Amino acid sequence: MSTEREIGELCARVDALERTVESMDAKLTQVRDTLLRAEGSWRFMVGLAGFSATLGGLITALGIWLWPRT
């Protein structure tokens, strides 16, 4: 009698774990899809930041070169 109850409890726990794994799989799929969609825009943002840093450095260098020396 006790063995059947333990088997029933284990079956219920396995069912709960299967539902949890299915839920996690669906969420991970959503996260992966979001990352794949954002990959191109991430590269663009890195390129834009690099371009801005380069442009800022050039403007600073030009400003220092043109600044009147006293």
Protein backbone atom coordinates (compact mmCIF):
# COMPACT_ATOMS: atom_id res chain seq x y z
CA MET A 1 0.00 0.00 0.00
CA SER A 2 2.75 2.42 0.91
CA THR A 3 4.70 1.60 -2.24
CA GLU A 4 1.72 2.43 -4.48
CA ARG A 5 1.30 5.77 -2.72
CA GLU A 6 4.98 6.57 -3.15
CA ILE A 7 4.77 5.68 -6.84
CA GLY A 8 1.71 7.94 -7.18
CA GLU A 9 3.54 10.80 -5.47
CA LEU A 10 6.59 10.30 -7.70
CA CYS A 11 4.40 10.26 -10.82
CA ALA A 12 2.79 13.52 -9.73
CA ARG A 13 6.21 15.08 -9.11
CA VAL A 14 7.44 13.93 -12.52
CA ASP A 15 4.35 15.44 -14.16
CA ALA A 16 4.98 18.74 -12.35
CA LEU A 17 8.62 18.71 -13.43
CA GLU A 18 7.64 18.01 -17.04
CA ARG A 19 5.28 21.01 -17.02
CA THR A 20 8.01 23.18 -15.51
CA VAL A 21 10.53 22.09 -18.15
CA GLU A 22 8.03 22.78 -20.95
CA SER A 23 7.39 26.25 -19.52
CA MET A 24 11.13 26.95 -19.26
CA ASP A 25 11.63 25.73 -22.82
CA ALA A 26 8.99 28.13 -24.11
CA LYS A 27 10.54 31.04 -22.20
CA LEU A 28 14.04 30.21 -23.42
CA THR A 29 12.76 30.08 -26.98
CA GLN A 30 11.30 33.57 -26.53
CA VAL A 31 14.57 34.88 -25.10
CA ARG A 32 16.54 33.33 -27.98
CA ASP A 33 14.18 34.84 -30.55
CA THR A 34 14.49 38.26 -28.91
CA LEU A 35 18.28 38.05 -28.94
CA LEU A 36 18.32 37.01 -32.58
CA ARG A 37 16.11 39.94 -33.53
CA ALA A 38 18.23 42.38 -31.53
CA GLU A 39 21.54 41.15 -32.94
CA GLY A 40 21.56 43.52 -35.91
CA SER A 41 20.57 46.56 -33.88
CA TRP A 42 23.24 45.72 -31.28
CA ARG A 43 25.92 45.83 -33.97
CA PHE A 44 24.55 49.14 -35.22
CA MET A 45 24.66 50.65 -31.70
CA VAL A 46 28.28 49.53 -31.22
CA GLY A 47 29.22 51.01 -34.58
CA LEU A 48 27.44 54.25 -33.76
CA ALA A 49 29.22 54.48 -30.39
CA GLY A 50 32.59 53.89 -32.09
CA PHE A 51 31.85 56.52 -34.72
CA SER A 52 30.77 59.02 -32.04
CA ALA A 53 33.92 58.41 -30.01
CA THR A 54 36.10 58.88 -33.08
CA LEU A 55 34.29 62.05 -34.09
CA GLY A 56 34.53 63.43 -30.56
CA GLY A 57 38.25 62.71 -30.48
CA LEU A 58 38.79 64.48 -33.80
CA ILE A 59 36.81 67.53 -32.70
CA THR A 60 38.77 67.68 -29.46
CA ALA A 61 42.08 67.39 -31.30
CA LEU A 62 41.06 70.13 -33.73
CA GLY A 63 39.91 72.34 -30.85
CA ILE A 64 43.20 71.93 -29.02
CA TRP A 65 45.14 72.67 -32.24
CA LEU A 66 43.10 75.80 -32.99
CA TRP A 67 42.89 77.07 -29.39
CA PRO A 68 44.84 80.31 -29.05
CA ARG A 69 48.03 79.81 -27.11
CA THR A 70 48.73 82.46 -24.49
